Structure formats: structure tokens, C-alpha cells
Amino acid sequence: GAGIPPGGGEPLLATLRAVAQARHKTPAQVAINWVISKGAVPVVGVTRPEQARDTAAALGWRLSDEEVLLLEASADACAFEFQGSKFKTSDSKFVGYGFEKWRLD
């Protein structure tokens, strides 16, 4: 793809920062927790002990449904289409061969 245009991710970054500030977490911790809330297991690379501690602080708590919806709306407002794993909505999951829709009833 063409990549991310300058400022294209700002809506999502602003929301990550706001949620992080409200929860006394870092934006990275919120992002990792968001991936977990989508049913995925993030693989986070760390090279320093402080990075491992920061990553571990993304565990043991969950974003609220409202926070997840806010993050997803902010992701949708970005000026580019997400590529890669595409964990963008909470009603589907990557299952190795594509995306499978699901609902909690």
C-alpha cells in the first residue's frame, strides 16, 4: 500500500493518549490491551527490562466496551485503510485462513 499519510493516524493516537491518561497507563499499554480485547495474543518485542515491565502493565485489566468502541471509531476516522492483521472491529477474528464473523449472544 501507499503507507500512512502524514497525520493520518492522529485520530487514533489522540484517543489512545486520552484513554491512557484516564487509566493512568501508557498509550502502548492501551494498544496492547486493545489487541487482547479483540481475542488476539499480541507478540511484543522487547529488548530492555523497562520495556518488559511496560508490556506486562498492559495485562491484568480490561478496556471497557465503551473504550473499545471509542478506539474503533477513532481507527475508522484515520485517513488510511489498516493493513496487516486487520483487527479493526470486534465482531470478527482472524482464524488463519481469513476472518470469521461472530457474536456474543
PDB file of N, CA and C in Angstrom:
ATOM      1  N   GLY A   1       0.813  -1.184   0.000  1.00  0.00           N
ATOM      2  CA  GLY A   1       0.000   0.000   0.000  1.00  0.00           C
ATOM      3  C   GLY A   1       0.851   1.239   0.000  1.00  0.00           C
ATOM      4  N   ALA A   2       0.201   2.354   0.002  1.00  0.00           N
ATOM      5  CA  ALA A   2       0.872   3.644  -0.035  1.00  0.00           C
ATOM      6  C   ALA A   2       1.410   4.050   1.326  1.00  0.00           C
ATOM      7  N   GLY A   3       1.043   3.345   2.369  1.00  0.00           N
ATOM      8  CA  GLY A   3       1.512   3.688   3.701  1.00  0.00           C
ATOM      9  C   GLY A   3       0.585   4.674   4.379  1.00  0.00           C
ATOM     10  N   ILE A   4       1.049   5.182   5.487  1.00  0.00           N
ATOM     11  CA  ILE A   4       0.257   6.102   6.294  1.00  0.00           C
ATOM     12  C   ILE A   4       0.587   7.526   5.879  1.00  0.00           C
ATOM     13  N   PRO A   5      -0.417   8.303   5.470  1.00  0.00           N
ATOM     14  CA  PRO A   5      -0.144   9.694   5.108  1.00  0.00           C
ATOM     15  C   PRO A   5       0.206  10.501   6.349  1.00  0.00           C
ATOM     16  N   PRO A   6       0.951  11.599   6.209  1.00  0.00           N
ATOM     17  CA  PRO A   6       1.300  12.424   7.366  1.00  0.00           C
ATOM     18  C   PRO A   6       0.047  12.829   8.148  1.00  0.00           C
ATOM     19  N   GLY A   7       0.074  12.580   9.440  1.00  0.00           N
ATOM     20  CA  GLY A   7      -1.064  12.917  10.298  1.00  0.00           C
ATOM     21  C   GLY A   7      -2.237  11.975  10.174  1.00  0.00           C
ATOM     22  N   GLY A   8      -2.115  10.951   9.332  1.00  0.00           N
ATOM     23  CA  GLY A   8      -3.236  10.053   9.073  1.00  0.00           C
ATOM     24  C   GLY A   8      -3.693   9.249  10.269  1.00  0.00           C
ATOM     25  N   GLY A   9      -2.793   8.976  11.184  1.00  0.00           N
ATOM     26  CA  GLY A   9      -3.155   8.196  12.365  1.00  0.00           C
ATOM     27  C   GLY A   9      -3.516   9.037  13.569  1.00  0.00           C
ATOM     28  N   GLU A  10      -3.555  10.347  13.411  1.00  0.00           N
ATOM     29  CA  GLU A  10      -3.759  11.228  14.557  1.00  0.00           C
ATOM     30  C   GLU A  10      -5.073  10.985  15.304  1.00  0.00           C
ATOM     31  N   PRO A  11      -6.202  10.718  14.624  1.00  0.00           N
ATOM     32  CA  PRO A  11      -7.419  10.451  15.402  1.00  0.00           C
ATOM     33  C   PRO A  11      -7.250   9.287  16.384  1.00  0.00           C
ATOM     34  N   LEU A  12      -6.620   8.228  15.931  1.00  0.00           N
ATOM     35  CA  LEU A  12      -6.407   7.072  16.798  1.00  0.00           C
ATOM     36  C   LEU A  12      -5.381   7.377  17.879  1.00  0.00           C
ATOM     37  N   LEU A  13      -4.304   8.034  17.524  1.00  0.00           N
ATOM     38  CA  LEU A  13      -3.284   8.374  18.526  1.00  0.00           C
ATOM     39  C   LEU A  13      -3.867   9.265  19.617  1.00  0.00           C
ATOM     40  N   ALA A  14      -4.704  10.218  19.244  1.00  0.00           N
ATOM     41  CA  ALA A  14      -5.318  11.101  20.240  1.00  0.00           C
ATOM     42  C   ALA A  14      -6.200  10.314  21.200  1.00  0.00           C
ATOM     43  N   THR A  15      -6.946   9.349  20.673  1.00  0.00           N
ATOM     44  CA  THR A  15      -7.806   8.527  21.524  1.00  0.00           C
ATOM     45  C   THR A  15      -6.982   7.608  22.410  1.00  0.00           C
ATOM     46  N   LEU A  16      -5.927   7.009  21.854  1.00  0.00           N
ATOM     47  CA  LEU A  16      -5.046   6.173  22.673  1.00  0.00           C
ATOM     48  C   LEU A  16      -4.480   6.981  23.841  1.00  0.00           C
ATOM     49  N   ARG A  17      -4.046   8.207  23.553  1.00  0.00           N
ATOM     50  CA  ARG A  17      -3.498   9.069  24.620  1.00  0.00           C
ATOM     51  C   ARG A  17      -4.553   9.413  25.662  1.00  0.00           C
ATOM     52  N   ALA A  18      -5.767   9.728  25.219  1.00  0.00           N
ATOM     53  CA  ALA A  18      -6.832  10.106  26.155  1.00  0.00           C
ATOM     54  C   ALA A  18      -7.225   8.936  27.060  1.00  0.00           C
ATOM     55  N   VAL A  19      -7.386   7.752  26.471  1.00  0.00           N
ATOM     56  CA  VAL A  19      -7.723   6.570  27.268  1.00  0.00           C
ATOM     57  C   VAL A  19      -6.581   6.257  28.230  1.00  0.00           C
ATOM     58  N   ALA A  20      -5.366   6.353  27.744  1.00  0.00           N
ATOM     59  CA  ALA A  20      -4.192   6.080  28.589  1.00  0.00           C
ATOM     60  C   ALA A  20      -4.142   7.038  29.774  1.00  0.00           C
ATOM     61  N   GLN A  21      -4.366   8.306  29.522  1.00  0.00           N
ATOM     62  CA  GLN A  21      -4.327   9.287  30.607  1.00  0.00           C
ATOM     63  C   GLN A  21      -5.421   9.002  31.634  1.00  0.00           C
ATOM     64  N   ALA A  22      -6.623   8.689  31.176  1.00  0.00           N
ATOM     65  CA  ALA A  22      -7.734   8.413  32.089  1.00  0.00           C
ATOM     66  C   ALA A  22      -7.482   7.171  32.934  1.00  0.00           C
ATOM     67  N   ARG A  23      -6.744   6.211  32.389  1.00  0.00           N
ATOM     68  CA  ARG A  23      -6.486   4.951  33.093  1.00  0.00           C
ATOM     69  C   ARG A  23      -5.130   4.918  33.782  1.00  0.00           C
ATOM     70  N   HIS A  24      -4.365   5.992  33.646  1.00  0.00           N
ATOM     71  CA  HIS A  24      -3.009   6.044  34.215  1.00  0.00           C
ATOM     72  C   HIS A  24      -2.136   4.925  33.632  1.00  0.00           C
ATOM     73  N   LYS A  25      -2.255   4.766  32.319  1.00  0.00           N
ATOM     74  CA  LYS A  25      -1.467   3.796  31.562  1.00  0.00           C
ATOM     75  C   LYS A  25      -0.744   4.540  30.448  1.00  0.00           C
ATOM     76  N   THR A  26       0.107   3.845  29.717  1.00  0.00           N
ATOM     77  CA  THR A  26       0.751   4.449  28.552  1.00  0.00           C
ATOM     78  C   THR A  26      -0.099   4.125  27.320  1.00  0.00           C
ATOM     79  N   PRO A  27       0.041   4.921  26.248  1.00  0.00           N
ATOM     80  CA  PRO A  27      -0.669   4.570  25.019  1.00  0.00           C
ATOM     81  C   PRO A  27      -0.318   3.165  24.520  1.00  0.00           C
ATOM     82  N   ALA A  28       0.921   2.758  24.684  1.00  0.00           N
ATOM     83  CA  ALA A  28       1.320   1.409  24.263  1.00  0.00           C
ATOM     84  C   ALA A  28       0.569   0.343  25.060  1.00  0.00           C
ATOM     85  N   GLN A  29       0.412   0.558  26.367  1.00  0.00           N
ATOM     86  CA  GLN A  29      -0.321  -0.404  27.194  1.00  0.00           C
ATOM     87  C   GLN A  29      -1.781  -0.495  26.761  1.00  0.00           C
ATOM     88  N   VAL A  30      -2.370   0.643  26.433  1.00  0.00           N
ATOM     89  CA  VAL A  30      -3.756   0.650  25.951  1.00  0.00           C
ATOM     90  C   VAL A  30      -3.841  -0.093  24.621  1.00  0.00           C
ATOM     91  N   ALA A  31      -2.893   0.152  23.730  1.00  0.00           N
ATOM     92  CA  ALA A  31      -2.900  -0.514  22.422  1.00  0.00           C
ATOM     93  C   ALA A  31      -2.773  -2.031  22.580  1.00  0.00           C
ATOM     94  N   ILE A  32      -1.889  -2.473  23.451  1.00  0.00           N
ATOM     95  CA  ILE A  32      -1.714  -3.915  23.680  1.00  0.00           C
ATOM     96  C   ILE A  32      -2.990  -4.507  24.260  1.00  0.00           C
ATOM     97  N   ASN A  33      -3.593  -3.817  25.232  1.00  0.00           N
ATOM     98  CA  ASN A  33      -4.818  -4.303  25.840  1.00  0.00           C
ATOM     99  C   ASN A  33      -5.952  -4.333  24.823  1.00  0.00           C
ATOM    100  N   TRP A  34      -5.970  -3.379  23.901  1.00  0.00           N
ATOM    101  CA  TRP A  34      -6.985  -3.351  22.844  1.00  0.00           C
ATOM    102  C   TRP A  34      -6.861  -4.596  21.968  1.00  0.00           C
ATOM    103  N   VAL A  35      -5.650  -4.952  21.601  1.00  0.00           N
ATOM    104  CA  VAL A  35      -5.427  -6.168  20.802  1.00  0.00           C
ATOM    105  C   VAL A  35      -5.933  -7.387  21.570  1.00  0.00           C
ATOM    106  N   ILE A  36      -5.626  -7.456  22.862  1.00  0.00           N
ATOM    107  CA  ILE A  36      -6.085  -8.582  23.686  1.00  0.00           C
ATOM    108  C   ILE A  36      -7.609  -8.627  23.730  1.00  0.00           C
ATOM    109  N   SER A  37      -8.233  -7.451  23.834  1.00  0.00           N
ATOM    110  CA  SER A  37      -9.696  -7.402  23.912  1.00  0.00           C
ATOM    111  C   SER A  37     -10.354  -7.886  22.628  1.00  0.00           C
ATOM    112  N   LYS A  38      -9.598  -7.946  21.541  1.00  0.00           N
ATOM    113  CA  LYS A  38     -10.108  -8.422  20.269  1.00  0.00           C
ATOM    114  C   LYS A  38      -9.964  -9.939  20.137  1.00  0.00           C
ATOM    115  N   GLY A  39      -9.417 -10.583  21.165  1.00  0.00           N
ATOM    116  CA  GLY A  39      -9.257 -12.026  21.132  1.00  0.00           C
ATOM    117  C   GLY A  39      -7.943 -12.487  20.544  1.00  0.00           C
ATOM    118  N   ALA A  40      -7.018 -11.563  20.348  1.00  0.00           N
ATOM    119  CA  ALA A  40      -5.714 -11.912  19.789  1.00  0.00           C
ATOM    120  C   ALA A  40      -4.671 -11.944  20.901  1.00  0.00           C
ATOM    121  N   VAL A  41      -3.597 -12.612  20.641  1.00  0.00           N
ATOM    122  CA  VAL A  41      -2.466 -12.636  21.562  1.00  0.00           C
ATOM    123  C   VAL A  41      -1.344 -11.832  20.909  1.00  0.00           C
ATOM    124  N   PRO A  42      -1.096 -10.623  21.420  1.00  0.00           N
ATOM    125  CA  PRO A  42      -0.042  -9.812  20.813  1.00  0.00           C
ATOM    126  C   PRO A  42       1.337 -10.373  21.132  1.00  0.00           C
ATOM    127  N   VAL A  43       2.205 -10.323  20.172  1.00  0.00           N
ATOM    128  CA  VAL A  43       3.596 -10.704  20.373  1.00  0.00           C
ATOM    129  C   VAL A  43       4.396  -9.402  20.342  1.00  0.00           C
ATOM    130  N   VAL A  44       4.841  -8.996  21.515  1.00  0.00           N
ATOM    131  CA  VAL A  44       5.511  -7.709  21.668  1.00  0.00           C
ATOM    132  C   VAL A  44       6.999  -7.960  21.837  1.00  0.00           C
ATOM    133  N   GLY A  45       7.784  -7.351  20.996  1.00  0.00           N
ATOM    134  CA  GLY A  45       9.236  -7.492  21.112  1.00  0.00           C
ATOM    135  C   GLY A  45       9.792  -6.505  22.129  1.00  0.00           C
ATOM    136  N   VAL A  46      10.622  -6.992  22.997  1.00  0.00           N
ATOM    137  CA  VAL A  46      11.272  -6.125  23.976  1.00  0.00           C
ATOM    138  C   VAL A  46      12.768  -6.419  23.964  1.00  0.00           C
ATOM    139  N   THR A  47      13.550  -5.374  24.220  1.00  0.00           N
ATOM    140  CA  THR A  47      14.996  -5.559  24.293  1.00  0.00           C
ATOM    141  C   THR A  47      15.570  -5.064  25.612  1.00  0.00           C
ATOM    142  N   ARG A  48      14.757  -4.343  26.376  1.00  0.00           N
ATOM    143  CA  ARG A  48      15.234  -3.801  27.655  1.00  0.00           C
ATOM    144  C   ARG A  48      14.263  -4.168  28.771  1.00  0.00           C
ATOM    145  N   PRO A  49      14.744  -4.316  29.991  1.00  0.00           N
ATOM    146  CA  PRO A  49      13.865  -4.677  31.117  1.00  0.00           C
ATOM    147  C   PRO A  49      12.693  -3.710  31.293  1.00  0.00           C
ATOM    148  N   GLU A  50      12.911  -2.415  31.081  1.00  0.00           N
ATOM    149  CA  GLU A  50      11.813  -1.457  31.269  1.00  0.00           C
ATOM    150  C   GLU A  50      10.712  -1.665  30.224  1.00  0.00           C
ATOM    151  N   GLN A  51      11.081  -2.141  29.038  1.00  0.00           N
ATOM    152  CA  GLN A  51      10.067  -2.448  28.029  1.00  0.00           C
ATOM    153  C   GLN A  51       9.237  -3.661  28.456  1.00  0.00           C
ATOM    154  N   ALA A  52       9.889  -4.646  29.052  1.00  0.00           N
ATOM    155  CA  ALA A  52       9.170  -5.824  29.550  1.00  0.00           C
ATOM    156  C   ALA A  52       8.206  -5.425  30.654  1.00  0.00           C
ATOM    157  N   ARG A  53       8.626  -4.551  31.563  1.00  0.00           N
ATOM    158  CA  ARG A  53       7.741  -4.080  32.637  1.00  0.00           C
ATOM    159  C   ARG A  53       6.569  -3.290  32.064  1.00  0.00           C
ATOM    160  N   ASP A  54       6.848  -2.439  31.076  1.00  0.00           N
ATOM    161  CA  ASP A  54       5.798  -1.645  30.449  1.00  0.00           C
ATOM    162  C   ASP A  54       4.778  -2.551  29.754  1.00  0.00           C
ATOM    163  N   THR A  55       5.265  -3.566  29.060  1.00  0.00           N
ATOM    164  CA  THR A  55       4.378  -4.506  28.379  1.00  0.00           C
ATOM    165  C   THR A  55       3.545  -5.290  29.386  1.00  0.00           C
ATOM    166  N   ALA A  56       4.159  -5.743  30.471  1.00  0.00           N
ATOM    167  CA  ALA A  56       3.439  -6.501  31.494  1.00  0.00           C
ATOM    168  C   ALA A  56       2.325  -5.668  32.122  1.00  0.00           C
ATOM    169  N   ALA A  57       2.492  -4.356  32.172  1.00  0.00           N
ATOM    170  CA  ALA A  57       1.470  -3.484  32.759  1.00  0.00           C
ATOM    171  C   ALA A  57       0.236  -3.358  31.859  1.00  0.00           C
ATOM    172  N   ALA A  58       0.290  -3.926  30.667  1.00  0.00           N
ATOM    173  CA  ALA A  58      -0.884  -3.962  29.800  1.00  0.00           C
ATOM    174  C   ALA A  58      -1.802  -5.124  30.167  1.00  0.00           C
ATOM    175  N   LEU A  59      -1.363  -5.978  31.083  1.00  0.00           N
ATOM    176  CA  LEU A  59      -2.118  -7.155  31.496  1.00  0.00           C
ATOM    177  C   LEU A  59      -2.797  -6.916  32.835  1.00  0.00           C
ATOM    178  N   GLY A  60      -3.788  -7.736  33.140  1.00  0.00           N
ATOM    179  CA  GLY A  60      -4.435  -7.678  34.443  1.00  0.00           C
ATOM    180  C   GLY A  60      -5.568  -6.668  34.544  1.00  0.00           C
ATOM    181  N   TRP A  61      -5.950  -6.081  33.451  1.00  0.00           N
ATOM    182  CA  TRP A  61      -7.079  -5.157  33.408  1.00  0.00           C
ATOM    183  C   TRP A  61      -7.669  -5.227  32.005  1.00  0.00           C
ATOM    184  N   ARG A  62      -8.884  -4.726  31.834  1.00  0.00           N
ATOM    185  CA  ARG A  62      -9.530  -4.763  30.521  1.00  0.00           C
ATOM    186  C   ARG A  62     -10.121  -3.396  30.196  1.00  0.00           C
ATOM    187  N   LEU A  63     -10.022  -3.036  28.942  1.00  0.00           N
ATOM    188  CA  LEU A  63     -10.718  -1.853  28.466  1.00  0.00           C
ATOM    189  C   LEU A  63     -12.221  -2.101  28.565  1.00  0.00           C
ATOM    190  N   SER A  64     -12.971  -1.048  28.825  1.00  0.00           N
ATOM    191  CA  SER A  64     -14.425  -1.184  28.852  1.00  0.00           C
ATOM    192  C   SER A  64     -14.939  -1.317  27.412  1.00  0.00           C
ATOM    193  N   ASP A  65     -16.157  -1.792  27.282  1.00  0.00           N
ATOM    194  CA  ASP A  65     -16.768  -1.878  25.951  1.00  0.00           C
ATOM    195  C   ASP A  65     -16.813  -0.498  25.300  1.00  0.00           C
ATOM    196  N   GLU A  66     -17.084   0.517  26.091  1.00  0.00           N
ATOM    197  CA  GLU A  66     -17.158   1.881  25.563  1.00  0.00           C
ATOM    198  C   GLU A  66     -15.791   2.344  25.058  1.00  0.00           C
ATOM    199  N   GLU A  67     -14.726   2.010  25.780  1.00  0.00           N
ATOM    200  CA  GLU A  67     -13.385   2.384  25.339  1.00  0.00           C
ATOM    201  C   GLU A  67     -13.012   1.674  24.035  1.00  0.00           C
ATOM    202  N   VAL A  68     -13.374   0.401  23.933  1.00  0.00           N
ATOM    203  CA  VAL A  68     -13.089  -0.349  22.706  1.00  0.00           C
ATOM    204  C   VAL A  68     -13.825   0.283  21.526  1.00  0.00           C
ATOM    205  N   LEU A  69     -15.091   0.621  21.722  1.00  0.00           N
ATOM    206  CA  LEU A  69     -15.863   1.256  20.648  1.00  0.00           C
ATOM    207  C   LEU A  69     -15.281   2.616  20.279  1.00  0.00           C
ATOM    208  N   LEU A  70     -14.814   3.358  21.268  1.00  0.00           N
ATOM    209  CA  LEU A  70     -14.188   4.656  21.008  1.00  0.00           C
ATOM    210  C   LEU A  70     -12.906   4.486  20.193  1.00  0.00           C
ATOM    211  N   LEU A  71     -12.094   3.505  20.559  1.00  0.00           N
ATOM    212  CA  LEU A  71     -10.861   3.236  19.813  1.00  0.00           C
ATOM    213  C   LEU A  71     -11.181   2.794  18.381  1.00  0.00           C
ATOM    214  N   GLU A  72     -12.192   1.956  18.224  1.00  0.00           N
ATOM    215  CA  GLU A  72     -12.553   1.502  16.881  1.00  0.00           C
ATOM    216  C   GLU A  72     -13.078   2.648  16.021  1.00  0.00           C
ATOM    217  N   ALA A  73     -13.891   3.537  16.623  1.00  0.00           N
ATOM    218  CA  ALA A  73     -14.385   4.696  15.872  1.00  0.00           C
ATOM    219  C   ALA A  73     -13.228   5.603  15.470  1.00  0.00           C
ATOM    220  N   SER A  74     -12.252   5.750  16.354  1.00  0.00           N
ATOM    221  CA  SER A  74     -11.080   6.570  16.038  1.00  0.00           C
ATOM    222  C   SER A  74     -10.239   5.926  14.944  1.00  0.00           C
ATOM    223  N   ALA A  75     -10.128   4.609  14.983  1.00  0.00           N
ATOM    224  CA  ALA A  75      -9.402   3.898  13.922  1.00  0.00           C
ATOM    225  C   ALA A  75     -10.113   4.099  12.584  1.00  0.00           C
ATOM    226  N   ASP A  76     -11.435   4.056  12.606  1.00  0.00           N
ATOM    227  CA  ASP A  76     -12.203   4.264  11.378  1.00  0.00           C
ATOM    228  C   ASP A  76     -12.040   5.683  10.841  1.00  0.00           C
ATOM    229  N   ALA A  77     -11.737   6.635  11.723  1.00  0.00           N
ATOM    230  CA  ALA A  77     -11.593   8.040  11.314  1.00  0.00           C
ATOM    231  C   ALA A  77     -10.214   8.339  10.719  1.00  0.00           C
ATOM    232  N   CYS A  78      -9.311   7.385  10.780  1.00  0.00           N
ATOM    233  CA  CYS A  78      -7.973   7.601  10.234  1.00  0.00           C
ATOM    234  C   CYS A  78      -8.037   7.740   8.715  1.00  0.00           C
ATOM    235  N   ALA A  79      -7.095   8.491   8.178  1.00  0.00           N
ATOM    236  CA  ALA A  79      -7.088   8.818   6.753  1.00  0.00           C
ATOM    237  C   ALA A  79      -6.404   7.743   5.900  1.00  0.00           C
ATOM    238  N   PHE A  80      -6.468   6.497   6.308  1.00  0.00           N
ATOM    239  CA  PHE A  80      -5.885   5.396   5.544  1.00  0.00           C
ATOM    240  C   PHE A  80      -6.575   4.114   5.966  1.00  0.00           C
ATOM    241  N   GLU A  81      -6.422   3.087   5.171  1.00  0.00           N
ATOM    242  CA  GLU A  81      -7.004   1.789   5.481  1.00  0.00           C
ATOM    243  C   GLU A  81      -5.951   0.944   6.188  1.00  0.00           C
ATOM    244  N   PHE A  82      -6.342   0.295   7.291  1.00  0.00           N
ATOM    245  CA  PHE A  82      -5.415  -0.554   8.021  1.00  0.00           C
ATOM    246  C   PHE A  82      -5.036  -1.757   7.182  1.00  0.00           C
ATOM    247  N   GLN A  83      -3.798  -2.191   7.282  1.00  0.00           N
ATOM    248  CA  GLN A  83      -3.309  -3.385   6.614  1.00  0.00           C
ATOM    249  C   GLN A  83      -2.820  -4.359   7.677  1.00  0.00           C
ATOM    250  N   GLY A  84      -2.443  -5.538   7.277  1.00  0.00           N
ATOM    251  CA  GLY A  84      -1.887  -6.499   8.222  1.00  0.00           C
ATOM    252  C   GLY A  84      -2.978  -7.338   8.841  1.00  0.00           C
ATOM    253  N   SER A  85      -2.952  -7.472  10.163  1.00  0.00           N
ATOM    254  CA  SER A  85      -3.878  -8.380  10.835  1.00  0.00           C
ATOM    255  C   SER A  85      -5.319  -7.897  10.781  1.00  0.00           C
ATOM    256  N   LYS A  86      -5.531  -6.622  10.579  1.00  0.00           N
ATOM    257  CA  LYS A  86      -6.859  -6.036  10.396  1.00  0.00           C
ATOM    258  C   LYS A  86      -7.787  -6.272  11.574  1.00  0.00           C
ATOM    259  N   PHE A  87      -7.294  -6.327  12.788  1.00  0.00           N
ATOM    260  CA  PHE A  87      -8.154  -6.413  13.961  1.00  0.00           C
ATOM    261  C   PHE A  87      -8.726  -5.035  14.220  1.00  0.00           C
ATOM    262  N   LYS A  88      -9.736  -4.695  13.440  1.00  0.00           N
ATOM    263  CA  LYS A  88     -10.297  -3.355  13.465  1.00  0.00           C
ATOM    264  C   LYS A  88     -11.702  -3.332  14.046  1.00  0.00           C
ATOM    265  N   THR A  89     -12.412  -4.426  13.971  1.00  0.00           N
ATOM    266  CA  THR A  89     -13.752  -4.477  14.523  1.00  0.00           C
ATOM    267  C   THR A  89     -13.826  -5.599  15.540  1.00  0.00           C
ATOM    268  N   SER A  90     -14.783  -5.520  16.417  1.00  0.00           N
ATOM    269  CA  SER A  90     -14.872  -6.511  17.481  1.00  0.00           C
ATOM    270  C   SER A  90     -15.825  -7.646  17.145  1.00  0.00           C
ATOM    271  N   ASP A  91     -16.277  -7.735  15.889  1.00  0.00           N
ATOM    272  CA  ASP A  91     -17.213  -8.791  15.533  1.00  0.00           C
ATOM    273  C   ASP A  91     -16.602  -9.841  14.606  1.00  0.00           C
ATOM    274  N   SER A  92     -15.271  -9.875  14.524  1.00  0.00           N
ATOM    275  CA  SER A  92     -14.629 -10.881  13.694  1.00  0.00           C
ATOM    276  C   SER A  92     -13.273 -11.226  14.279  1.00  0.00           C
ATOM    277  N   LYS A  93     -12.738 -12.343  13.836  1.00  0.00           N
ATOM    278  CA  LYS A  93     -11.407 -12.735  14.283  1.00  0.00           C
ATOM    279  C   LYS A  93     -10.664 -13.385  13.133  1.00  0.00           C
ATOM    280  N   PHE A  94      -9.356 -13.273  13.153  1.00  0.00           N
ATOM    281  CA  PHE A  94      -8.514 -13.908  12.154  1.00  0.00           C
ATOM    282  C   PHE A  94      -8.329 -15.351  12.572  1.00  0.00           C
ATOM    283  N   VAL A  95      -8.609 -16.268  11.682  1.00  0.00           N
ATOM    284  CA  VAL A  95      -8.558 -17.682  12.031  1.00  0.00           C
ATOM    285  C   VAL A  95      -7.557 -18.470  11.202  1.00  0.00           C
ATOM    286  N   GLY A  96      -6.618 -17.800  10.568  1.00  0.00           N
ATOM    287  CA  GLY A  96      -5.577 -18.484   9.829  1.00  0.00           C
ATOM    288  C   GLY A  96      -5.819 -18.522   8.339  1.00  0.00           C
ATOM    289  N   TYR A  97      -7.061 -18.561   7.936  1.00  0.00           N
ATOM    290  CA  TYR A  97      -7.395 -18.593   6.514  1.00  0.00           C
ATOM    291  C   TYR A  97      -8.207 -17.379   6.103  1.00  0.00           C
ATOM    292  N   GLY A  98      -8.517 -16.523   7.051  1.00  0.00           N
ATOM    293  CA  GLY A  98      -9.324 -15.347   6.767  1.00  0.00           C
ATOM    294  C   GLY A  98     -10.001 -14.874   8.037  1.00  0.00           C
ATOM    295  N   PHE A  99     -11.050 -14.101   7.869  1.00  0.00           N
ATOM    296  CA  PHE A  99     -11.755 -13.546   9.016  1.00  0.00           C
ATOM    297  C   PHE A  99     -13.106 -14.213   9.163  1.00  0.00           C
ATOM    298  N   GLU A 100     -13.455 -14.496  10.400  1.00  0.00           N
ATOM    299  CA  GLU A 100     -14.695 -15.161  10.720  1.00  0.00           C
ATOM    300  C   GLU A 100     -15.518 -14.222  11.588  1.00  0.00           C
ATOM    301  N   LYS A 101     -16.751 -13.950  11.210  1.00  0.00           N
ATOM    302  CA  LYS A 101     -17.638 -13.101  12.000  1.00  0.00           C
ATOM    303  C   LYS A 101     -18.203 -13.900  13.165  1.00  0.00           C
ATOM    304  N   TRP A 102     -18.474 -13.226  14.276  1.00  0.00           N
ATOM    305  CA  TRP A 102     -19.044 -13.881  15.442  1.00  0.00           C
ATOM    306  C   TRP A 102     -19.838 -12.881  16.253  1.00  0.00           C
ATOM    307  N   ARG A 103     -20.698 -13.372  17.121  1.00  0.00           N
ATOM    308  CA  ARG A 103     -21.492 -12.543  18.020  1.00  0.00           C
ATOM    309  C   ARG A 103     -21.563 -13.203  19.378  1.00  0.00           C
ATOM    310  N   LEU A 104     -21.608 -12.396  20.409  1.00  0.00           N
ATOM    311  CA  LEU A 104     -21.863 -12.907  21.756  1.00  0.00           C
ATOM    312  C   LEU A 104     -23.353 -12.803  22.008  1.00  0.00           C
ATOM    313  N   ASP A 105     -23.998 -13.914  22.213  1.00  0.00           N
ATOM    314  CA  ASP A 105     -25.446 -13.912  22.452  1.00  0.00           C
ATOM    315  C   ASP A 105     -25.741 -14.222  23.895  1.00  0.00           C
TER     316      ASP A 105
END
